[in-house]
Amino acid sequence: MQTQNRLLDDLARVASGAIGVAAGMRGEIESRLREQFEKILLQMDLVGREEFDAVKAMAAKARAEQEDLVKRVAALEQRLKARDEPAGKKTPPRKRPAKSAG
């Protein structure tokens, strides 16, 4: 019976040593992967959150201004159309001069 306990003790020590080695390898692998990811991210030249938010705000402002300008242009076109057609009269379309050959 003494030999069985000794054999089990040896197996337990080997198993705990293997688990320790596996945990050490895991830590080493994680640190190597983290280093590689950081290296890749630095090479990608990504923007930070603050810079992204600033550009996003600028784009939203530009979009709002563009929509406002579209409305203003439409209103001006209507005013021009109303000025060109007073009291229901339609003006005849303008004739374009003939292109000269040459």
PDB file of N, CA and C in Angstrom:
ATOM      1  N   MET A   1       0.817  -1.185   0.000  1.00  0.00           N
ATOM      2  CA  MET A   1       0.000   0.000   0.000  1.00  0.00           C
ATOM      3  C   MET A   1       0.864   1.253   0.000  1.00  0.00           C
ATOM      4  N   GLN A   2       2.022   1.159   0.607  1.00  0.00           N
ATOM      5  CA  GLN A   2       2.951   2.277   0.687  1.00  0.00           C
ATOM      6  C   GLN A   2       3.395   2.693  -0.720  1.00  0.00           C
ATOM      7  N   THR A   3       3.621   1.739  -1.621  1.00  0.00           N
ATOM      8  CA  THR A   3       4.063   2.048  -2.970  1.00  0.00           C
ATOM      9  C   THR A   3       2.980   2.762  -3.754  1.00  0.00           C
ATOM     10  N   GLN A   4       1.730   2.417  -3.543  1.00  0.00           N
ATOM     11  CA  GLN A   4       0.648   3.087  -4.266  1.00  0.00           C
ATOM     12  C   GLN A   4       0.558   4.550  -3.842  1.00  0.00           C
ATOM     13  N   ASN A   5       0.681   4.809  -2.546  1.00  0.00           N
ATOM     14  CA  ASN A   5       0.627   6.192  -2.085  1.00  0.00           C
ATOM     15  C   ASN A   5       1.797   7.001  -2.634  1.00  0.00           C
ATOM     16  N   ARG A   6       2.954   6.374  -2.661  1.00  0.00           N
ATOM     17  CA  ARG A   6       4.135   7.055  -3.175  1.00  0.00           C
ATOM     18  C   ARG A   6       3.965   7.343  -4.675  1.00  0.00           C
ATOM     19  N   LEU A   7       3.419   6.396  -5.412  1.00  0.00           N
ATOM     20  CA  LEU A   7       3.162   6.576  -6.838  1.00  0.00           C
ATOM     21  C   LEU A   7       2.152   7.702  -7.050  1.00  0.00           C
ATOM     22  N   LEU A   8       1.084   7.729  -6.250  1.00  0.00           N
ATOM     23  CA  LEU A   8       0.077   8.786  -6.366  1.00  0.00           C
ATOM     24  C   LEU A   8       0.668  10.138  -5.982  1.00  0.00           C
ATOM     25  N   ASP A   9       1.530  10.153  -4.971  1.00  0.00           N
ATOM     26  CA  ASP A   9       2.176  11.406  -4.585  1.00  0.00           C
ATOM     27  C   ASP A   9       3.057  11.928  -5.716  1.00  0.00           C
ATOM     28  N   ASP A  10       3.803  11.021  -6.347  1.00  0.00           N
ATOM     29  CA  ASP A  10       4.653  11.419  -7.466  1.00  0.00           C
ATOM     30  C   ASP A  10       3.818  11.945  -8.634  1.00  0.00           C
ATOM     31  N   LEU A  11       2.711  11.264  -8.930  1.00  0.00           N
ATOM     32  CA  LEU A  11       1.824  11.710 -10.011  1.00  0.00           C
ATOM     33  C   LEU A  11       1.222  13.077  -9.684  1.00  0.00           C
ATOM     34  N   ALA A  12       0.854  13.283  -8.423  1.00  0.00           N
ATOM     35  CA  ALA A  12       0.294  14.565  -8.015  1.00  0.00           C
ATOM     36  C   ALA A  12       1.325  15.673  -8.173  1.00  0.00           C
ATOM     37  N   ARG A  13       2.587  15.411  -7.804  1.00  0.00           N
ATOM     38  CA  ARG A  13       3.642  16.411  -7.959  1.00  0.00           C
ATOM     39  C   ARG A  13       3.892  16.721  -9.436  1.00  0.00           C
ATOM     40  N   VAL A  14       3.904  15.696 -10.256  1.00  0.00           N
ATOM     41  CA  VAL A  14       4.113  15.905 -11.694  1.00  0.00           C
ATOM     42  C   VAL A  14       2.964  16.721 -12.278  1.00  0.00           C
ATOM     43  N   ALA A  15       1.743  16.380 -11.862  1.00  0.00           N
ATOM     44  CA  ALA A  15       0.569  17.097 -12.372  1.00  0.00           C
ATOM     45  C   ALA A  15       0.592  18.552 -11.919  1.00  0.00           C
ATOM     46  N   SER A  16       0.907  18.819 -10.674  1.00  0.00           N
ATOM     47  CA  SER A  16       0.928  20.205 -10.196  1.00  0.00           C
ATOM     48  C   SER A  16       2.067  20.975 -10.866  1.00  0.00           C
ATOM     49  N   GLY A  17       3.189  20.304 -11.119  1.00  0.00           N
ATOM     50  CA  GLY A  17       4.275  20.953 -11.851  1.00  0.00           C
ATOM     51  C   GLY A  17       3.862  21.296 -13.279  1.00  0.00           C
ATOM     52  N   ALA A  18       3.134  20.375 -13.913  1.00  0.00           N
ATOM     53  CA  ALA A  18       2.664  20.607 -15.282  1.00  0.00           C
ATOM     54  C   ALA A  18       1.675  21.764 -15.308  1.00  0.00           C
ATOM     55  N   ILE A  19       0.831  21.831 -14.296  1.00  0.00           N
ATOM     56  CA  ILE A  19      -0.143  22.925 -14.222  1.00  0.00           C
ATOM     57  C   ILE A  19       0.588  24.251 -14.033  1.00  0.00           C
ATOM     58  N   GLY A  20       1.608  24.245 -13.204  1.00  0.00           N
ATOM     59  CA  GLY A  20       2.403  25.461 -13.002  1.00  0.00           C
ATOM     60  C   GLY A  20       3.086  25.911 -14.279  1.00  0.00           C
ATOM     61  N   VAL A  21       3.662  24.956 -15.003  1.00  0.00           N
ATOM     62  CA  VAL A  21       4.313  25.274 -16.269  1.00  0.00           C
ATOM     63  C   VAL A  21       3.294  25.810 -17.264  1.00  0.00           C
ATOM     64  N   ALA A  22       2.107  25.177 -17.309  1.00  0.00           N
ATOM     65  CA  ALA A  22       1.054  25.629 -18.232  1.00  0.00           C
ATOM     66  C   ALA A  22       0.602  27.046 -17.883  1.00  0.00           C
ATOM     67  N   ALA A  23       0.479  27.346 -16.592  1.00  0.00           N
ATOM     68  CA  ALA A  23       0.080  28.695 -16.183  1.00  0.00           C
ATOM     69  C   ALA A  23       1.160  29.704 -16.577  1.00  0.00           C
ATOM     70  N   GLY A  24       2.414  29.322 -16.392  1.00  0.00           N
ATOM     71  CA  GLY A  24       3.509  30.208 -16.801  1.00  0.00           C
ATOM     72  C   GLY A  24       3.518  30.442 -18.293  1.00  0.00           C
ATOM     73  N   MET A  25       3.281  29.394 -19.061  1.00  0.00           N
ATOM     74  CA  MET A  25       3.227  29.519 -20.517  1.00  0.00           C
ATOM     75  C   MET A  25       2.064  30.412 -20.933  1.00  0.00           C
ATOM     76  N   ARG A  26       0.961  30.253 -20.239  1.00  0.00           N
ATOM     77  CA  ARG A  26      -0.222  31.065 -20.560  1.00  0.00           C
ATOM     78  C   ARG A  26       0.098  32.547 -20.354  1.00  0.00           C
ATOM     79  N   GLY A  27       0.723  32.862 -19.237  1.00  0.00           N
ATOM     80  CA  GLY A  27       1.092  34.248 -18.972  1.00  0.00           C
ATOM     81  C   GLY A  27       2.054  34.785 -20.015  1.00  0.00           C
ATOM     82  N   GLU A  28       3.012  33.972 -20.403  1.00  0.00           N
ATOM     83  CA  GLU A  28       3.991  34.374 -21.422  1.00  0.00           C
ATOM     84  C   GLU A  28       3.301  34.603 -22.766  1.00  0.00           C
ATOM     85  N   ILE A  29       2.420  33.704 -23.135  1.00  0.00           N
ATOM     86  CA  ILE A  29       1.694  33.831 -24.409  1.00  0.00           C
ATOM     87  C   ILE A  29       0.828  35.084 -24.397  1.00  0.00           C
ATOM     88  N   GLU A  30       0.132  35.334 -23.285  1.00  0.00           N
ATOM     89  CA  GLU A  30      -0.714  36.523 -23.197  1.00  0.00           C
ATOM     90  C   GLU A  30       0.108  37.799 -23.336  1.00  0.00           C
ATOM     91  N   SER A  31       1.260  37.845 -22.682  1.00  0.00           N
ATOM     92  CA  SER A  31       2.080  39.056 -22.778  1.00  0.00           C
ATOM     93  C   SER A  31       2.623  39.244 -24.195  1.00  0.00           C
ATOM     94  N   ARG A  32       3.012  38.152 -24.852  1.00  0.00           N
ATOM     95  CA  ARG A  32       3.501  38.250 -26.242  1.00  0.00           C
ATOM     96  C   ARG A  32       2.393  38.713 -27.185  1.00  0.00           C
ATOM     97  N   LEU A  33       1.190  38.173 -27.007  1.00  0.00           N
ATOM     98  CA  LEU A  33       0.061  38.589 -27.844  1.00  0.00           C
ATOM     99  C   LEU A  33      -0.272  40.058 -27.618  1.00  0.00           C
ATOM    100  N   ARG A  34      -0.253  40.483 -26.365  1.00  0.00           N
ATOM    101  CA  ARG A  34      -0.538  41.885 -26.049  1.00  0.00           C
ATOM    102  C   ARG A  34       0.486  42.795 -26.726  1.00  0.00           C
ATOM    103  N   GLU A  35       1.752  42.415 -26.663  1.00  0.00           N
ATOM    104  CA  GLU A  35       2.798  43.202 -27.327  1.00  0.00           C
ATOM    105  C   GLU A  35       2.559  43.283 -28.829  1.00  0.00           C
ATOM    106  N   GLN A  36       2.197  42.166 -29.436  1.00  0.00           N
ATOM    107  CA  GLN A  36       1.960  42.150 -30.884  1.00  0.00           C
ATOM    108  C   GLN A  36       0.758  43.008 -31.256  1.00  0.00           C
ATOM    109  N   PHE A  37      -0.321  42.927 -30.470  1.00  0.00           N
ATOM    110  CA  PHE A  37      -1.512  43.745 -30.753  1.00  0.00           C
ATOM    111  C   PHE A  37      -1.184  45.231 -30.626  1.00  0.00           C
ATOM    112  N   GLU A  38      -0.432  45.591 -29.607  1.00  0.00           N
ATOM    113  CA  GLU A  38      -0.051  46.991 -29.442  1.00  0.00           C
ATOM    114  C   GLU A  38       0.801  47.459 -30.610  1.00  0.00           C
ATOM    115  N   LYS A  39       1.703  46.622 -31.063  1.00  0.00           N
ATOM    116  CA  LYS A  39       2.562  46.948 -32.199  1.00  0.00           C
ATOM    117  C   LYS A  39       1.716  47.155 -33.462  1.00  0.00           C
ATOM    118  N   ILE A  40       0.772  46.265 -33.687  1.00  0.00           N
ATOM    119  CA  ILE A  40      -0.104  46.365 -34.861  1.00  0.00           C
ATOM    120  C   ILE A  40      -0.949  47.628 -34.790  1.00  0.00           C
ATOM    121  N   LEU A  41      -1.509  47.913 -33.617  1.00  0.00           N
ATOM    122  CA  LEU A  41      -2.346  49.101 -33.468  1.00  0.00           C
ATOM    123  C   LEU A  41      -1.552  50.382 -33.694  1.00  0.00           C
ATOM    124  N   LEU A  42      -0.311  50.417 -33.251  1.00  0.00           N
ATOM    125  CA  LEU A  42       0.516  51.595 -33.481  1.00  0.00           C
ATOM    126  C   LEU A  42       0.810  51.777 -34.969  1.00  0.00           C
ATOM    127  N   GLN A  43       0.978  50.688 -35.685  1.00  0.00           N
ATOM    128  CA  GLN A  43       1.253  50.765 -37.121  1.00  0.00           C
ATOM    129  C   GLN A  43       0.016  51.183 -37.909  1.00  0.00           C
ATOM    130  N   MET A  44      -1.166  50.938 -37.363  1.00  0.00           N
ATOM    131  CA  MET A  44      -2.403  51.255 -38.079  1.00  0.00           C
ATOM    132  C   MET A  44      -2.697  52.751 -38.081  1.00  0.00           C
ATOM    133  N   ASP A  45      -2.036  53.521 -37.232  1.00  0.00           N
ATOM    134  CA  ASP A  45      -2.217  54.969 -37.177  1.00  0.00           C
ATOM    135  C   ASP A  45      -3.687  55.325 -36.956  1.00  0.00           C
ATOM    136  N   LEU A  46      -4.278  54.774 -35.921  1.00  0.00           N
ATOM    137  CA  LEU A  46      -5.671  55.037 -35.585  1.00  0.00           C
ATOM    138  C   LEU A  46      -5.805  56.368 -34.855  1.00  0.00           C
ATOM    139  N   VAL A  47      -6.973  56.978 -34.974  1.00  0.00           N
ATOM    140  CA  VAL A  47      -7.212  58.242 -34.273  1.00  0.00           C
ATOM    141  C   VAL A  47      -7.765  57.956 -32.887  1.00  0.00           C
ATOM    142  N   GLY A  48      -7.546  58.905 -32.006  1.00  0.00           N
ATOM    143  CA  GLY A  48      -8.065  58.786 -30.653  1.00  0.00           C
ATOM    144  C   GLY A  48      -9.535  59.172 -30.589  1.00  0.00           C
ATOM    145  N   ARG A  49     -10.162  58.856 -29.487  1.00  0.00           N
ATOM    146  CA  ARG A  49     -11.588  59.144 -29.300  1.00  0.00           C
ATOM    147  C   ARG A  49     -11.862  60.642 -29.363  1.00  0.00           C
ATOM    148  N   GLU A  50     -11.011  61.462 -28.735  1.00  0.00           N
ATOM    149  CA  GLU A  50     -11.230  62.908 -28.723  1.00  0.00           C
ATOM    150  C   GLU A  50     -11.171  63.490 -30.123  1.00  0.00           C
ATOM    151  N   GLU A  51     -10.185  63.067 -30.897  1.00  0.00           N
ATOM    152  CA  GLU A  51     -10.059  63.553 -32.270  1.00  0.00           C
ATOM    153  C   GLU A  51     -11.243  63.103 -33.118  1.00  0.00           C
ATOM    154  N   PHE A  52     -11.681  61.857 -32.929  1.00  0.00           N
ATOM    155  CA  PHE A  52     -12.837  61.341 -33.665  1.00  0.00           C
ATOM    156  C   PHE A  52     -14.086  62.144 -33.328  1.00  0.00           C
ATOM    157  N   ASP A  53     -14.302  62.414 -32.032  1.00  0.00           N
ATOM    158  CA  ASP A  53     -15.485  63.178 -31.623  1.00  0.00           C
ATOM    159  C   ASP A  53     -15.457  64.594 -32.190  1.00  0.00           C
ATOM    160  N   ALA A  54     -14.270  65.200 -32.236  1.00  0.00           N
ATOM    161  CA  ALA A  54     -14.147  66.551 -32.796  1.00  0.00           C
ATOM    162  C   ALA A  54     -14.502  66.560 -34.282  1.00  0.00           C
ATOM    163  N   VAL A  55     -13.993  65.595 -35.028  1.00  0.00           N
ATOM    164  CA  VAL A  55     -14.285  65.528 -36.466  1.00  0.00           C
ATOM    165  C   VAL A  55     -15.767  65.201 -36.693  1.00  0.00           C
ATOM    166  N   LYS A  56     -16.319  64.356 -35.845  1.00  0.00           N
ATOM    167  CA  LYS A  56     -17.739  64.018 -35.957  1.00  0.00           C
ATOM    168  C   LYS A  56     -18.607  65.260 -35.744  1.00  0.00           C
ATOM    169  N   ALA A  57     -18.244  66.093 -34.753  1.00  0.00           N
ATOM    170  CA  ALA A  57     -18.993  67.323 -34.496  1.00  0.00           C
ATOM    171  C   ALA A  57     -18.867  68.289 -35.673  1.00  0.00           C
ATOM    172  N   MET A  58     -17.665  68.381 -36.254  1.00  0.00           N
ATOM    173  CA  MET A  58     -17.470  69.249 -37.420  1.00  0.00           C
ATOM    174  C   MET A  58     -18.318  68.772 -38.600  1.00  0.00           C
ATOM    175  N   ALA A  59     -18.390  67.460 -38.791  1.00  0.00           N
ATOM    176  CA  ALA A  59     -19.176  66.913 -39.896  1.00  0.00           C
ATOM    177  C   ALA A  59     -20.665  67.182 -39.682  1.00  0.00           C
ATOM    178  N   ALA A  60     -21.131  67.055 -38.438  1.00  0.00           N
ATOM    179  CA  ALA A  60     -22.546  67.317 -38.150  1.00  0.00           C
ATOM    180  C   ALA A  60     -22.874  68.787 -38.408  1.00  0.00           C
ATOM    181  N   LYS A  61     -21.964  69.683 -38.016  1.00  0.00           N
ATOM    182  CA  LYS A  61     -22.173  71.116 -38.243  1.00  0.00           C
ATOM    183  C   LYS A  61     -22.197  71.416 -39.741  1.00  0.00           C
ATOM    184  N   ALA A  62     -21.266  70.830 -40.490  1.00  0.00           N
ATOM    185  CA  ALA A  62     -21.217  71.048 -41.938  1.00  0.00           C
ATOM    186  C   ALA A  62     -22.489  70.535 -42.603  1.00  0.00           C
ATOM    187  N   ARG A  63     -22.984  69.399 -42.123  1.00  0.00           N
ATOM    188  CA  ARG A  63     -24.217  68.829 -42.682  1.00  0.00           C
ATOM    189  C   ARG A  63     -25.402  69.759 -42.429  1.00  0.00           C
ATOM    190  N   ALA A  64     -25.492  70.308 -41.223  1.00  0.00           N
ATOM    191  CA  ALA A  64     -26.588  71.221 -40.893  1.00  0.00           C
ATOM    192  C   ALA A  64     -26.508  72.485 -41.751  1.00  0.00           C
ATOM    193  N   GLU A  65     -25.290  73.006 -41.925  1.00  0.00           N
ATOM    194  CA  GLU A  65     -25.122  74.196 -42.762  1.00  0.00           C
ATOM    195  C   GLU A  65     -25.486  73.899 -44.213  1.00  0.00           C
ATOM    196  N   GLN A  66     -25.120  72.726 -44.697  1.00  0.00           N
ATOM    197  CA  GLN A  66     -25.437  72.345 -46.074  1.00  0.00           C
ATOM    198  C   GLN A  66     -26.945  72.245 -46.262  1.00  0.00           C
ATOM    199  N   GLU A  67     -27.650  71.656 -45.295  1.00  0.00           N
ATOM    200  CA  GLU A  67     -29.107  71.551 -45.392  1.00  0.00           C
ATOM    201  C   GLU A  67     -29.751  72.928 -45.368  1.00  0.00           C
ATOM    202  N   ASP A  68     -29.205  73.834 -44.555  1.00  0.00           N
ATOM    203  CA  ASP A  68     -29.720  75.201 -44.506  1.00  0.00           C
ATOM    204  C   ASP A  68     -29.509  75.893 -45.845  1.00  0.00           C
ATOM    205  N   LEU A  69     -28.350  75.699 -46.450  1.00  0.00           N
ATOM    206  CA  LEU A  69     -28.074  76.316 -47.751  1.00  0.00           C
ATOM    207  C   LEU A  69     -28.991  75.769 -48.839  1.00  0.00           C
ATOM    208  N   VAL A  70     -29.306  74.484 -48.790  1.00  0.00           N
ATOM    209  CA  VAL A  70     -30.231  73.900 -49.769  1.00  0.00           C
ATOM    210  C   VAL A  70     -31.593  74.575 -49.658  1.00  0.00           C
ATOM    211  N   LYS A  71     -32.059  74.791 -48.434  1.00  0.00           N
ATOM    212  CA  LYS A  71     -33.353  75.459 -48.232  1.00  0.00           C
ATOM    213  C   LYS A  71     -33.307  76.896 -48.742  1.00  0.00           C
ATOM    214  N   ARG A  72     -32.200  77.588 -48.463  1.00  0.00           N
ATOM    215  CA  ARG A  72     -32.085  78.976 -48.913  1.00  0.00           C
ATOM    216  C   ARG A  72     -32.054  79.066 -50.438  1.00  0.00           C
ATOM    217  N   VAL A  73     -31.345  78.150 -51.094  1.00  0.00           N
ATOM    218  CA  VAL A  73     -31.280  78.150 -52.553  1.00  0.00           C
ATOM    219  C   VAL A  73     -32.665  77.868 -53.133  1.00  0.00           C
ATOM    220  N   ALA A  74     -33.392  76.932 -52.553  1.00  0.00           N
ATOM    221  CA  ALA A  74     -34.744  76.628 -53.035  1.00  0.00           C
ATOM    222  C   ALA A  74     -35.652  77.847 -52.892  1.00  0.00           C
ATOM    223  N   ALA A  75     -35.547  78.546 -51.767  1.00  0.00           N
ATOM    224  CA  ALA A  75     -36.363  79.747 -51.557  1.00  0.00           C
ATOM    225  C   ALA A  75     -35.992  80.831 -52.566  1.00  0.00           C
ATOM    226  N   LEU A  76     -34.714  81.009 -52.826  1.00  0.00           N
ATOM    227  CA  LEU A  76     -34.282  82.007 -53.813  1.00  0.00           C
ATOM    228  C   LEU A  76     -34.753  81.647 -55.215  1.00  0.00           C
ATOM    229  N   GLU A  77     -34.705  80.367 -55.558  1.00  0.00           N
ATOM    230  CA  GLU A  77     -35.184  79.936 -56.870  1.00  0.00           C
ATOM    231  C   GLU A  77     -36.665  80.211 -57.022  1.00  0.00           C
ATOM    232  N   GLN A  78     -37.424  79.996 -55.955  1.00  0.00           N
ATOM    233  CA  GLN A  78     -38.858  80.280 -56.029  1.00  0.00           C
ATOM    234  C   GLN A  78     -39.112  81.770 -56.182  1.00  0.00           C
ATOM    235  N   ARG A  79     -38.343  82.589 -55.438  1.00  0.00           N
ATOM    236  CA  ARG A  79     -38.502  84.040 -55.564  1.00  0.00           C
ATOM    237  C   ARG A  79     -38.169  84.501 -56.978  1.00  0.00           C
ATOM    238  N   LEU A  80     -37.132  83.936 -57.559  1.00  0.00           N
ATOM    239  CA  LEU A  80     -36.744  84.285 -58.923  1.00  0.00           C
ATOM    240  C   LEU A  80     -37.825  83.877 -59.915  1.00  0.00           C
ATOM    241  N   LYS A  81     -38.360  82.698 -59.708  1.00  0.00           N
ATOM    242  CA  LYS A  81     -39.416  82.199 -60.600  1.00  0.00           C
ATOM    243  C   LYS A  81     -40.657  83.079 -60.492  1.00  0.00           C
ATOM    244  N   ALA A  82     -40.993  83.478 -59.265  1.00  0.00           N
ATOM    245  CA  ALA A  82     -42.170  84.339 -59.069  1.00  0.00           C
ATOM    246  C   ALA A  82     -41.928  85.713 -59.687  1.00  0.00           C
ATOM    247  N   ARG A  83     -40.716  86.216 -59.634  1.00  0.00           N
ATOM    248  CA  ARG A  83     -40.405  87.520 -60.212  1.00  0.00           C
ATOM    249  C   ARG A  83     -40.451  87.471 -61.734  1.00  0.00           C
ATOM    250  N   ASP A  84     -40.019  86.353 -62.317  1.00  0.00           N
ATOM    251  CA  ASP A  84     -40.006  86.227 -63.771  1.00  0.00           C
ATOM    252  C   ASP A  84     -41.396  86.010 -64.352  1.00  0.00           C
ATOM    253  N   GLU A  85     -42.337  85.517 -63.562  1.00  0.00           N
ATOM    254  CA  GLU A  85     -43.691  85.246 -64.050  1.00  0.00           C
ATOM    255  C   GLU A  85     -44.719  86.072 -63.276  1.00  0.00           C
ATOM    256  N   PRO A  86     -44.777  87.387 -63.499  1.00  0.00           N
ATOM    257  CA  PRO A  86     -45.729  88.219 -62.762  1.00  0.00           C
ATOM    258  C   PRO A  86     -47.153  88.038 -63.287  1.00  0.00           C
ATOM    259  N   ALA A  87     -48.098  88.017 -62.388  1.00  0.00           N
ATOM    260  CA  ALA A  87     -49.541  87.992 -62.673  1.00  0.00           C
ATOM    261  C   ALA A  87     -49.934  86.898 -63.647  1.00  0.00           C
ATOM    262  N   GLY A  88     -49.350  85.740 -63.528  1.00  0.00           N
ATOM    263  CA  GLY A  88     -49.764  84.589 -64.314  1.00  0.00           C
ATOM    264  C   GLY A  88     -49.262  84.593 -65.740  1.00  0.00           C
ATOM    265  N   LYS A  89     -48.511  85.626 -66.151  1.00  0.00           N
ATOM    266  CA  LYS A  89     -47.961  85.652 -67.496  1.00  0.00           C
ATOM    267  C   LYS A  89     -46.727  84.777 -67.552  1.00  0.00           C
ATOM    268  N   LYS A  90     -46.654  84.057 -68.623  1.00  0.00           N
ATOM    269  CA  LYS A  90     -45.456  83.254 -68.823  1.00  0.00           C
ATOM    270  C   LYS A  90     -44.599  83.946 -69.855  1.00  0.00           C
ATOM    271  N   THR A  91     -43.337  84.012 -69.554  1.00  0.00           N
ATOM    272  CA  THR A  91     -42.430  84.595 -70.534  1.00  0.00           C
ATOM    273  C   THR A  91     -42.002  83.499 -71.492  1.00  0.00           C
ATOM    274  N   PRO A  92     -41.888  83.852 -72.767  1.00  0.00           N
ATOM    275  CA  PRO A  92     -41.470  82.823 -73.728  1.00  0.00           C
ATOM    276  C   PRO A  92     -40.038  82.398 -73.438  1.00  0.00           C
ATOM    277  N   PRO A  93     -39.741  81.170 -73.722  1.00  0.00           N
ATOM    278  CA  PRO A  93     -38.369  80.714 -73.482  1.00  0.00           C
ATOM    279  C   PRO A  93     -37.404  81.465 -74.374  1.00  0.00           C
ATOM    280  N   ARG A  94     -36.254  81.746 -73.836  1.00  0.00           N
ATOM    281  CA  ARG A  94     -35.241  82.475 -74.587  1.00  0.00           C
ATOM    282  C   ARG A  94     -34.615  81.571 -75.632  1.00  0.00           C
ATOM    283  N   LYS A  95     -34.375  82.172 -76.787  1.00  0.00           N
ATOM    284  CA  LYS A  95     -33.727  81.414 -77.856  1.00  0.00           C
ATOM    285  C   LYS A  95     -32.228  81.544 -77.681  1.00  0.00           C
ATOM    286  N   ARG A  96     -31.573  80.435 -77.815  1.00  0.00           N
ATOM    287  CA  ARG A  96     -30.117  80.445 -77.735  1.00  0.00           C
ATOM    288  C   ARG A  96     -29.539  80.748 -79.098  1.00  0.00           C
ATOM    289  N   PRO A  97     -28.473  81.530 -79.123  1.00  0.00           N
ATOM    290  CA  PRO A  97     -27.846  81.810 -80.420  1.00  0.00           C
ATOM    291  C   PRO A  97     -27.263  80.541 -81.009  1.00  0.00           C
ATOM    292  N   ALA A  98     -27.333  80.473 -82.320  1.00  0.00           N
ATOM    293  CA  ALA A  98     -26.788  79.294 -83.023  1.00  0.00           C
ATOM    294  C   ALA A  98     -25.292  79.262 -82.877  1.00  0.00           C
ATOM    295  N   LYS A  99     -24.773  78.077 -82.721  1.00  0.00           N
ATOM    296  CA  LYS A  99     -23.327  77.927 -82.605  1.00  0.00           C
ATOM    297  C   LYS A  99     -22.696  78.115 -83.974  1.00  0.00           C
ATOM    298  N   SER A 100     -21.594  78.829 -83.970  1.00  0.00           N
ATOM    299  CA  SER A 100     -20.905  79.027 -85.258  1.00  0.00           C
ATOM    300  C   SER A 100     -19.968  77.872 -85.495  1.00  0.00           C
ATOM    301  N   ALA A 101     -19.901  77.472 -86.721  1.00  0.00           N
ATOM    302  CA  ALA A 101     -19.020  76.358 -87.090  1.00  0.00           C
ATOM    303  C   ALA A 101     -17.623  76.901 -87.284  1.00  0.00           C
ATOM    304  N   GLY A 102     -16.691  76.300 -86.576  1.00  0.00           N
ATOM    305  CA  GLY A 102     -15.377  76.762 -86.901  1.00  0.00           C
ATOM    306  C   GLY A 102     -14.455  76.722 -85.835  1.00  0.00           C
TER     307      GLY A 102
END
